[in-house]
Structure formats: structure tokens, C-alpha cells
Amino acid sequence: MAISHVNPHKGQGSGQGHFILGVTRIYEKIPLERVGVLLGDNGRVKREIEEKTKTTITVDSSSGSVVIEPAFQSTTALDLIKAQNIVRAIAHGFSPERAFRLLEDDQVLEVIDVRQYVGDKPNHIKRVLGRIIGENGKTRKILEEMTNAYISIYETYVAIIADYEVSSIVKRAVEMLIEGRAHSTVYKYVDREVFSLKRRRITELWRKPL
């Protein structure tokens, strides 16, 4: 699931830190059933990622291997990271439309593997994921509506797309559900934290010099 490796060689002597085309690469491995989603009809999704991140993406449909490279000398490290995060988000069950939210500079991808909390027993994993999803997806939907985050549950993973502070709130809420806390307790925690965050942001906005 989304195994990554980076070969981060950059140009020397220019002082610009430009990548060397054909040398800098990020490697990812995605589930085979997500390859078609990453590619899109006639390669539309892959092409859109490439255009918006100034990268070249090579996908091996037989193995799920993905290689991300800078397409231009002007491609930045942030461009590469955005492309990588979009690929990883799609690998973890997000639709391309939701994954493209990661093009925004303040958005992050947080991935939680529930096996790190409950072990490898399938019945434990199923029970915990059921608590996070809720009946007919109710719990996930409530958490998304309360935080404006995107949440995906795929295989043994819970993935979150949001800004850094919100993703931290959602991650803690997911951990509370994994720990067996009551849903009502989790919702109260999220409501309190989101209110506090909004108040803090408004205060910071007022304090900014004109």
C-alpha cells in the first residue's frame, strides 16, 4: 500500500537547487485495483495531475508501481510532494476529485493504519473500522461535516485530507473511536476542538497588522 522511496538528487553549482531531469524520482506502489482510478478514462486523471504539478508520472499497470519525476527545470520540491500525495490519496481510496484538494498549499494527507492499534486479527480490524464508518457511513459523514475534512476508509487504513490542525483533530477522533470511546464523546471532543480552532484563527486574523 503506497510504499514510497525518494531519489532526491538536485543540480549542483547553480545555487537554485533545481532538480536534474531524469535523475530525481519518487517511487510509489499502489493497489492494482486503484490503478484504473489513478489513470482515469483515457489517462485523463494522470494527465491532470501532471499538468497541475509540473511532473511526469509513469504507471506500471501490471505491478502498481508509480514513478513521479519533475517535467521541467522549474518543477519544485513542493510540486513533487503534491503529486506524490495525490497519488497516495487515490491509493488509499479517495476519488481523484477529492484528492485534488491536496493541490492547495495548506492541505495535508494523514494516513492511519489501524493494525498499529489493534493488531492483525481480521475480526478486530473489522470491528474498529465499523465504528469509524458507522451505520451506512453515518460516523464518517458526521466527522466530515463537523470538520470539513475528507475521510477515506480503505483496507486497513483511515486516510484524512484537511489542513494540518484539522487533520490532527480528526486523527485524534479516529484514535478515540479505535480505543472504544462512545461516539457521543468523540463528537463532543471534535465540536469543542473545532470551535476552539475557529476562535483562535479569528483572533489571529484580527491581530494581523493592516
C-alpha atoms as a PDB file:
ATOM      1  CA  MET A   1       0.000   0.000   0.000  1.00  0.00           C
ATOM      2  CA  ALA A   2       1.570   3.245  -1.181  1.00  0.00           C
ATOM      3  CA  ILE A   3       5.171   2.281  -0.458  1.00  0.00           C
ATOM      4  CA  SER A   4       7.364   5.243  -1.347  1.00  0.00           C
ATOM      5  CA  HIS A   5      11.010   5.961  -1.990  1.00  0.00           C
ATOM      6  CA  VAL A   6      12.655   9.210  -2.993  1.00  0.00           C
ATOM      7  CA  ASN A   7      15.815   9.742  -5.018  1.00  0.00           C
ATOM      8  CA  PRO A   8      16.271  13.449  -4.256  1.00  0.00           C
ATOM      9  CA  HIS A   9      19.327  14.417  -6.344  1.00  0.00           C
ATOM     10  CA  LYS A  10      19.458  18.096  -7.240  1.00  0.00           C
ATOM     11  CA  GLY A  11      21.629  20.125  -9.531  1.00  0.00           C
ATOM     12  CA  GLN A  12      24.943  21.317  -8.097  1.00  0.00           C
ATOM     13  CA  GLY A  13      26.613  24.679  -8.529  1.00  0.00           C
ATOM     14  CA  SER A  14      23.658  26.653  -9.846  1.00  0.00           C
ATOM     15  CA  GLY A  15      22.592  27.846  -6.391  1.00  0.00           C
ATOM     16  CA  GLN A  16      18.976  27.361  -7.451  1.00  0.00           C
ATOM     17  CA  GLY A  17      18.544  23.827  -6.121  1.00  0.00           C
ATOM     18  CA  HIS A  18      16.960  22.719  -9.386  1.00  0.00           C
ATOM     19  CA  PHE A  19      16.303  19.036  -9.888  1.00  0.00           C
ATOM     20  CA  ILE A  20      18.240  17.115 -12.516  1.00  0.00           C
ATOM     21  CA  LEU A  21      15.707  15.922 -15.070  1.00  0.00           C
ATOM     22  CA  GLY A  22      15.848  12.142 -15.416  1.00  0.00           C
ATOM     23  CA  VAL A  23      17.605  11.692 -12.053  1.00  0.00           C
ATOM     24  CA  THR A  24      15.164  12.910  -9.388  1.00  0.00           C
ATOM     25  CA  ARG A  25      12.397  10.355  -8.861  1.00  0.00           C
ATOM     26  CA  ILE A  26       9.755   9.479  -6.284  1.00  0.00           C
ATOM     27  CA  TYR A  27       8.612   5.855  -6.226  1.00  0.00           C
ATOM     28  CA  GLU A  28       5.176   4.731  -5.036  1.00  0.00           C
ATOM     29  CA  LYS A  29       3.393   1.375  -5.012  1.00  0.00           C
ATOM     30  CA  ILE A  30      -0.423   1.404  -5.174  1.00  0.00           C
ATOM     31  CA  PRO A  31      -3.020  -1.404  -5.102  1.00  0.00           C
ATOM     32  CA  LEU A  32      -3.754  -2.814  -8.561  1.00  0.00           C
ATOM     33  CA  GLU A  33      -7.474  -2.061  -8.191  1.00  0.00           C
ATOM     34  CA  ARG A  34      -6.631   1.649  -7.797  1.00  0.00           C
ATOM     35  CA  VAL A  35      -4.501   1.878 -10.943  1.00  0.00           C
ATOM     36  CA  GLY A  36      -7.514   2.495 -13.165  1.00  0.00           C
ATOM     37  CA  VAL A  37      -8.685   5.312 -10.871  1.00  0.00           C
ATOM     38  CA  LEU A  38      -5.248   6.937 -10.970  1.00  0.00           C
ATOM     39  CA  LEU A  39      -5.115   6.745 -14.746  1.00  0.00           C
ATOM     40  CA  GLY A  40      -8.728   7.791 -15.398  1.00  0.00           C
ATOM     41  CA  ASP A  41     -10.555   7.494 -18.697  1.00  0.00           C
ATOM     42  CA  ASN A  42      -8.000   7.689 -21.494  1.00  0.00           C
ATOM     43  CA  GLY A  43      -5.390   8.781 -18.955  1.00  0.00           C
ATOM     44  CA  ARG A  44      -7.332  11.941 -18.023  1.00  0.00           C
ATOM     45  CA  VAL A  45      -6.622  11.858 -14.259  1.00  0.00           C
ATOM     46  CA  LYS A  46      -2.909  11.136 -14.596  1.00  0.00           C
ATOM     47  CA  ARG A  47      -2.593  13.865 -17.208  1.00  0.00           C
ATOM     48  CA  GLU A  48      -4.365  16.381 -14.960  1.00  0.00           C
ATOM     49  CA  ILE A  49      -2.049  15.579 -12.035  1.00  0.00           C
ATOM     50  CA  GLU A  50       0.948  16.010 -14.314  1.00  0.00           C
ATOM     51  CA  GLU A  51      -0.270  19.343 -15.671  1.00  0.00           C
ATOM     52  CA  LYS A  52      -1.131  20.795 -12.264  1.00  0.00           C
ATOM     53  CA  THR A  53       2.098  19.680 -10.553  1.00  0.00           C
ATOM     54  CA  LYS A  54       4.540  20.056 -13.470  1.00  0.00           C
ATOM     55  CA  THR A  55       5.542  16.403 -13.180  1.00  0.00           C
ATOM     56  CA  THR A  56       5.787  13.295 -15.330  1.00  0.00           C
ATOM     57  CA  ILE A  57       4.083  10.202 -13.892  1.00  0.00           C
ATOM     58  CA  THR A  58       4.762   6.672 -15.136  1.00  0.00           C
ATOM     59  CA  VAL A  59       2.380   3.915 -14.043  1.00  0.00           C
ATOM     60  CA  ASP A  60       3.026   0.176 -14.411  1.00  0.00           C
ATOM     61  CA  SER A  61      -0.486  -1.268 -14.627  1.00  0.00           C
ATOM     62  CA  SER A  62       0.724  -4.825 -14.022  1.00  0.00           C
ATOM     63  CA  SER A  63       2.544  -4.140 -10.732  1.00  0.00           C
ATOM     64  CA  GLY A  64       1.049  -0.917  -9.398  1.00  0.00           C
ATOM     65  CA  SER A  65       4.447   0.779  -9.414  1.00  0.00           C
ATOM     66  CA  VAL A  66       4.365   4.545  -9.915  1.00  0.00           C
ATOM     67  CA  VAL A  67       7.316   6.823 -10.717  1.00  0.00           C
ATOM     68  CA  ILE A  68       6.958  10.594 -10.284  1.00  0.00           C
ATOM     69  CA  GLU A  69       9.554  12.880 -11.892  1.00  0.00           C
ATOM     70  CA  PRO A  70       9.890  16.625 -12.494  1.00  0.00           C
ATOM     71  CA  ALA A  71       8.774  17.549 -16.008  1.00  0.00           C
ATOM     72  CA  PHE A  72      10.599  20.881 -16.115  1.00  0.00           C
ATOM     73  CA  GLN A  73      13.586  22.602 -14.555  1.00  0.00           C
ATOM     74  CA  SER A  74      11.061  24.897 -12.857  1.00  0.00           C
ATOM     75  CA  THR A  75       9.350  21.984 -11.074  1.00  0.00           C
ATOM     76  CA  THR A  76       9.752  22.446  -7.330  1.00  0.00           C
ATOM     77  CA  ALA A  77      10.030  20.021  -4.414  1.00  0.00           C
ATOM     78  CA  LEU A  78       6.531  21.134  -3.361  1.00  0.00           C
ATOM     79  CA  ASP A  79       5.197  20.211  -6.820  1.00  0.00           C
ATOM     80  CA  LEU A  80       6.656  16.710  -6.457  1.00  0.00           C
ATOM     81  CA  ILE A  81       5.255  16.313  -2.947  1.00  0.00           C
ATOM     82  CA  LYS A  82       1.795  17.415  -4.109  1.00  0.00           C
ATOM     83  CA  ALA A  83       1.865  14.872  -6.946  1.00  0.00           C
ATOM     84  CA  GLN A  84       3.020  12.162  -4.533  1.00  0.00           C
ATOM     85  CA  ASN A  85       0.294  12.989  -2.015  1.00  0.00           C
ATOM     86  CA  ILE A  86      -2.407  12.936  -4.694  1.00  0.00           C
ATOM     87  CA  VAL A  87      -1.197   9.521  -5.878  1.00  0.00           C
ATOM     88  CA  ARG A  88      -1.144   8.263  -2.279  1.00  0.00           C
ATOM     89  CA  ALA A  89      -4.621   9.662  -1.600  1.00  0.00           C
ATOM     90  CA  ILE A  90      -6.052   7.839  -4.622  1.00  0.00           C
ATOM     91  CA  ALA A  91      -4.217   4.694  -3.488  1.00  0.00           C
ATOM     92  CA  HIS A  92      -5.990   4.965  -0.129  1.00  0.00           C
ATOM     93  CA  GLY A  93      -9.463   5.127  -1.639  1.00  0.00           C
ATOM     94  CA  PHE A  94     -10.105   8.813  -2.344  1.00  0.00           C
ATOM     95  CA  SER A  95     -11.723   9.850  -5.609  1.00  0.00           C
ATOM     96  CA  PRO A  96      -9.487  12.000  -7.842  1.00  0.00           C
ATOM     97  CA  GLU A  97     -11.817  14.951  -7.249  1.00  0.00           C
ATOM     98  CA  ARG A  98     -11.239  14.752  -3.506  1.00  0.00           C
ATOM     99  CA  ALA A  99      -7.530  14.001  -3.882  1.00  0.00           C
ATOM    100  CA  PHE A 100      -7.044  17.182  -5.941  1.00  0.00           C
ATOM    101  CA  ARG A 101      -7.735  19.171  -2.771  1.00  0.00           C
ATOM    102  CA  LEU A 102      -4.100  18.382  -1.943  1.00  0.00           C
ATOM    103  CA  LEU A 103      -3.069  20.885  -4.614  1.00  0.00           C
ATOM    104  CA  GLU A 104      -3.836  23.580  -2.041  1.00  0.00           C
ATOM    105  CA  ASP A 105      -0.707  24.551  -0.109  1.00  0.00           C
ATOM    106  CA  ASP A 106      -2.277  24.176   3.352  1.00  0.00           C
ATOM    107  CA  GLN A 107      -3.707  20.681   2.827  1.00  0.00           C
ATOM    108  CA  VAL A 108      -2.052  17.506   4.130  1.00  0.00           C
ATOM    109  CA  LEU A 109      -2.645  13.773   3.829  1.00  0.00           C
ATOM    110  CA  GLU A 110      -2.714  11.820   7.093  1.00  0.00           C
ATOM    111  CA  VAL A 111      -2.833   8.003   6.916  1.00  0.00           C
ATOM    112  CA  ILE A 112      -3.647   5.810   9.919  1.00  0.00           C
ATOM    113  CA  ASP A 113      -3.086   2.041   9.812  1.00  0.00           C
ATOM    114  CA  VAL A 114      -5.484   0.583  12.376  1.00  0.00           C
ATOM    115  CA  ARG A 115      -3.310  -2.539  12.638  1.00  0.00           C
ATOM    116  CA  GLN A 116      -0.835  -0.453  14.626  1.00  0.00           C
ATOM    117  CA  TYR A 117      -3.537  -0.061  17.271  1.00  0.00           C
ATOM    118  CA  VAL A 118      -5.393  -3.400  17.276  1.00  0.00           C
ATOM    119  CA  GLY A 119      -3.047  -5.905  15.626  1.00  0.00           C
ATOM    120  CA  ASP A 120      -3.598  -8.091  12.570  1.00  0.00           C
ATOM    121  CA  LYS A 121      -6.668 -10.093  13.625  1.00  0.00           C
ATOM    122  CA  PRO A 122      -9.341  -9.549  10.928  1.00  0.00           C
ATOM    123  CA  ASN A 123     -12.254  -9.521  13.384  1.00  0.00           C
ATOM    124  CA  HIS A 124     -10.622  -6.766  15.468  1.00  0.00           C
ATOM    125  CA  ILE A 125      -9.873  -4.709  12.357  1.00  0.00           C
ATOM    126  CA  LYS A 126     -13.417  -5.146  11.035  1.00  0.00           C
ATOM    127  CA  ARG A 127     -14.953  -4.115  14.365  1.00  0.00           C
ATOM    128  CA  VAL A 128     -12.825  -0.980  14.652  1.00  0.00           C
ATOM    129  CA  LEU A 129     -13.368   0.088  11.051  1.00  0.00           C
ATOM    130  CA  GLY A 130     -17.090  -0.440  11.555  1.00  0.00           C
ATOM    131  CA  ARG A 131     -17.028   2.024  14.471  1.00  0.00           C
ATOM    132  CA  ILE A 132     -15.215   4.605  12.324  1.00  0.00           C
ATOM    133  CA  ILE A 133     -17.506   4.170   9.322  1.00  0.00           C
ATOM    134  CA  GLY A 134     -20.741   3.924  11.311  1.00  0.00           C
ATOM    135  CA  GLU A 135     -24.060   2.546  10.129  1.00  0.00           C
ATOM    136  CA  ASN A 136     -24.428   3.387   6.427  1.00  0.00           C
ATOM    137  CA  GLY A 137     -21.380   5.626   6.724  1.00  0.00           C
ATOM    138  CA  LYS A 138     -23.001   7.852   9.338  1.00  0.00           C
ATOM    139  CA  THR A 139     -19.964   8.354  11.612  1.00  0.00           C
ATOM    140  CA  ARG A 140     -17.598   9.199   8.796  1.00  0.00           C
ATOM    141  CA  LYS A 141     -20.128  11.633   7.329  1.00  0.00           C
ATOM    142  CA  ILE A 142     -20.650  13.377  10.683  1.00  0.00           C
ATOM    143  CA  LEU A 143     -16.901  13.791  11.201  1.00  0.00           C
ATOM    144  CA  GLU A 144     -16.517  15.192   7.680  1.00  0.00           C
ATOM    145  CA  GLU A 145     -19.362  17.655   8.169  1.00  0.00           C
ATOM    146  CA  MET A 146     -18.077  18.788  11.575  1.00  0.00           C
ATOM    147  CA  THR A 147     -14.500  19.373  10.384  1.00  0.00           C
ATOM    148  CA  ASN A 148     -14.771  19.963   6.615  1.00  0.00           C
ATOM    149  CA  ALA A 149     -12.188  17.191   6.223  1.00  0.00           C
ATOM    150  CA  TYR A 150     -12.274  14.347   3.706  1.00  0.00           C
ATOM    151  CA  ILE A 151     -12.060  10.851   5.209  1.00  0.00           C
ATOM    152  CA  SER A 152     -11.496   7.567   3.377  1.00  0.00           C
ATOM    153  CA  ILE A 153     -11.569   4.062   4.865  1.00  0.00           C
ATOM    154  CA  TYR A 154      -9.776   1.590   2.602  1.00  0.00           C
ATOM    155  CA  GLU A 155      -8.477  -1.875   3.504  1.00  0.00           C
ATOM    156  CA  THR A 156      -6.921  -1.392   6.979  1.00  0.00           C
ATOM    157  CA  TYR A 157      -6.304   2.330   6.538  1.00  0.00           C
ATOM    158  CA  VAL A 158      -8.087   5.525   7.509  1.00  0.00           C
ATOM    159  CA  ALA A 159      -6.896   8.465   5.391  1.00  0.00           C
ATOM    160  CA  ILE A 160      -7.631  12.130   6.063  1.00  0.00           C
ATOM    161  CA  ILE A 161      -7.333  15.189   3.830  1.00  0.00           C
ATOM    162  CA  ALA A 162      -7.526  18.523   5.648  1.00  0.00           C
ATOM    163  CA  ASP A 163      -5.307  21.337   6.811  1.00  0.00           C
ATOM    164  CA  TYR A 164      -2.711  20.347   9.406  1.00  0.00           C
ATOM    165  CA  GLU A 165      -4.617  21.471  12.513  1.00  0.00           C
ATOM    166  CA  VAL A 166      -7.916  19.938  11.428  1.00  0.00           C
ATOM    167  CA  SER A 167      -6.237  16.681  10.399  1.00  0.00           C
ATOM    168  CA  SER A 168      -4.784  16.450  13.921  1.00  0.00           C
ATOM    169  CA  ILE A 169      -8.285  16.798  15.404  1.00  0.00           C
ATOM    170  CA  VAL A 170      -9.721  14.151  13.076  1.00  0.00           C
ATOM    171  CA  LYS A 171      -6.803  11.795  13.729  1.00  0.00           C
ATOM    172  CA  ARG A 172      -7.382  12.038  17.480  1.00  0.00           C
ATOM    173  CA  ALA A 173     -11.123  11.448  16.967  1.00  0.00           C
ATOM    174  CA  VAL A 174     -10.341   8.295  14.962  1.00  0.00           C
ATOM    175  CA  GLU A 175      -7.956   7.127  17.681  1.00  0.00           C
ATOM    176  CA  MET A 176     -10.678   7.677  20.287  1.00  0.00           C
ATOM    177  CA  LEU A 177     -13.064   5.514  18.266  1.00  0.00           C
ATOM    178  CA  ILE A 178     -10.375   2.837  17.956  1.00  0.00           C
ATOM    179  CA  GLU A 179      -9.937   2.990  21.750  1.00  0.00           C
ATOM    180  CA  GLY A 180     -13.648   2.293  22.175  1.00  0.00           C
ATOM    181  CA  ARG A 181     -14.800   5.722  23.317  1.00  0.00           C
ATOM    182  CA  ALA A 182     -18.503   6.455  22.856  1.00  0.00           C
ATOM    183  CA  HIS A 183     -19.434   8.185  19.615  1.00  0.00           C
ATOM    184  CA  SER A 184     -21.137  10.979  21.556  1.00  0.00           C
ATOM    185  CA  THR A 185     -17.906  11.601  23.495  1.00  0.00           C
ATOM    186  CA  VAL A 186     -15.927  11.751  20.257  1.00  0.00           C
ATOM    187  CA  TYR A 187     -18.391  14.204  18.678  1.00  0.00           C
ATOM    188  CA  LYS A 188     -18.217  16.451  21.758  1.00  0.00           C
ATOM    189  CA  TYR A 189     -14.419  16.418  21.572  1.00  0.00           C
ATOM    190  CA  VAL A 190     -14.443  17.332  17.875  1.00  0.00           C
ATOM    191  CA  ASP A 191     -17.045  20.063  18.381  1.00  0.00           C
ATOM    192  CA  ARG A 192     -15.005  21.598  21.214  1.00  0.00           C
ATOM    193  CA  GLU A 193     -11.703  21.439  19.314  1.00  0.00           C
ATOM    194  CA  VAL A 194     -13.128  22.825  16.066  1.00  0.00           C
ATOM    195  CA  PHE A 195     -14.795  25.704  17.946  1.00  0.00           C
ATOM    196  CA  SER A 196     -11.513  26.461  19.729  1.00  0.00           C
ATOM    197  CA  LEU A 197      -9.600  26.362  16.443  1.00  0.00           C
ATOM    198  CA  LYS A 198     -12.046  28.702  14.695  1.00  0.00           C
ATOM    199  CA  ARG A 199     -11.919  31.154  17.621  1.00  0.00           C
ATOM    200  CA  ARG A 200      -8.112  31.068  17.612  1.00  0.00           C
ATOM    201  CA  ARG A 201      -7.961  31.700  13.880  1.00  0.00           C
ATOM    202  CA  ILE A 202     -10.362  34.635  14.113  1.00  0.00           C
ATOM    203  CA  THR A 203      -8.278  36.115  16.935  1.00  0.00           C
ATOM    204  CA  GLU A 204      -5.096  35.705  14.874  1.00  0.00           C
ATOM    205  CA  LEU A 205      -6.797  37.349  11.903  1.00  0.00           C
ATOM    206  CA  TRP A 206      -7.747  40.381  13.981  1.00  0.00           C
ATOM    207  CA  ARG A 207      -4.217  40.665  15.331  1.00  0.00           C
ATOM    208  CA  LYS A 208      -2.627  40.799  11.891  1.00  0.00           C
ATOM    209  CA  PRO A 209      -1.319  44.260  11.021  1.00  0.00           C
ATOM    210  CA  LEU A 210      -3.107  46.038   8.211  1.00  0.00           C
END
